[in-house]
Protein backbone atom coordinates (compact mmCIF):
# COMPACT_ATOMS: atom_id res chain seq x y z
CA MET A 1 87.19 95.42 109.41
CA TRP A 2 89.35 96.49 112.38
CA LEU A 3 86.63 95.49 114.84
CA THR A 4 86.34 92.07 113.21
CA LYS A 5 90.10 91.54 113.39
CA LEU A 6 90.08 92.54 117.05
CA LYS A 7 87.25 90.09 117.79
CA ILE A 8 89.19 87.29 116.11
CA ALA A 9 92.38 88.16 117.98
CA ILE A 10 90.51 88.08 121.30
CA VAL A 11 88.86 84.74 120.54
CA GLU A 12 92.19 83.26 119.45
CA LYS A 13 93.95 84.85 122.47
CA ASN A 14 96.50 86.23 120.03
CA THR A 15 98.25 88.97 121.97
CA ASP A 16 100.57 89.81 119.06
CA SER A 17 97.60 90.59 116.82
CA ILE A 18 95.94 92.60 119.59
CA ASN A 19 99.11 94.64 120.02
CA THR A 20 99.35 95.26 116.28
CA LEU A 21 95.71 96.31 116.10
CA LEU A 22 96.17 98.71 119.02
CA ASP A 23 98.89 100.44 117.02
CA GLN A 24 96.49 100.75 114.08
CA THR A 25 93.36 102.01 115.86
CA PRO A 26 91.17 103.78 113.28
CA ASN A 27 88.93 106.80 113.70
CA PHE A 28 85.36 105.57 114.02
CA GLU A 29 82.51 107.35 112.30
CA LYS A 30 79.59 105.71 114.10
CA ILE A 31 78.95 105.88 117.83
CA GLU A 32 78.00 102.19 117.78
CA ASP A 33 81.45 101.34 116.46
CA VAL A 34 83.06 103.40 119.22
CA LYS A 35 81.02 101.60 121.88
CA GLU A 36 81.85 98.21 120.39
CA ALA A 37 85.54 99.10 120.21
CA MET A 38 85.51 100.19 123.85
CA TYR A 39 83.89 96.93 124.89
CA LEU A 40 86.36 94.87 122.83
CA LEU A 41 89.33 96.81 124.17
CA LYS A 42 88.14 96.12 127.71
CA GLU A 43 87.93 92.42 126.85
CA ALA A 44 91.40 92.52 125.31
CA PHE A 45 92.75 94.22 128.44
CA GLU A 46 91.23 91.54 130.67
CA LEU A 47 92.57 88.81 128.39
CA VAL A 48 96.13 90.16 128.40
CA TYR A 49 96.21 90.62 132.17
CA GLY A 50 94.65 87.19 132.70
CA LEU A 51 97.30 85.59 130.52
CA ARG A 52 99.99 87.53 132.37
CA ASP A 53 98.73 86.19 135.70
CA GLU A 54 98.55 82.63 134.37
CA THR A 55 102.11 82.92 133.08
CA ALA A 56 103.34 84.20 136.43
CA GLN A 57 101.67 81.29 138.22
CA SER A 58 103.12 78.79 135.75
CA MET A 59 106.59 80.24 136.15
CA GLU A 60 106.32 80.06 139.95
CA GLN A 61 105.19 76.42 139.76
CA LEU A 62 108.07 75.60 137.40
CA LYS A 63 110.51 77.23 139.80
CA LYS A 64 109.15 75.16 142.70
CA ASN A 65 109.33 71.98 140.62
CA MET A 66 112.94 72.68 139.62
CA GLU A 67 113.89 73.38 143.24
CA PHE A 68 112.27 70.10 144.29
CA ILE A 69 114.02 68.11 141.58
CA ASN A 70 117.36 69.71 142.44
CA SER A 71 116.87 68.94 146.13
CA THR A 72 116.28 65.23 145.42
CA GLN A 73 119.43 64.83 143.35
CA PRO A 74 122.59 63.60 145.06
CA ALA A 75 125.33 66.17 145.34
CA ASN A 76 127.82 65.95 142.49
CA LYS A 77 131.31 65.10 143.57
CA ASN A 78 134.07 67.24 142.27
CA SER A 79 136.51 65.30 140.10
CA LEU A 80 139.33 66.57 142.30
CA ASP A 81 137.65 65.27 145.48
CA ILE A 82 139.91 62.54 146.89
CA SER A 83 138.01 62.05 150.15
CA SER A 84 136.34 58.83 149.01
């Protein structure tokens, strides 16, 4: 059942479920289950790090977009500015 839940979490890219399942890792009785779990954990690792990299790229692009938008806005005049 744990392996099935892990497969579903990977397919759904549900990092919260993956984290929960990692905290509940069972003891496997069959060597095939151990091998499958190792493969799935490798996939989960790659998924999490891939999502982390995508998030970092998105955040960097957002930062650049915000800087661009701010640079195209006219400077706000202070309400106490009497120069004009």
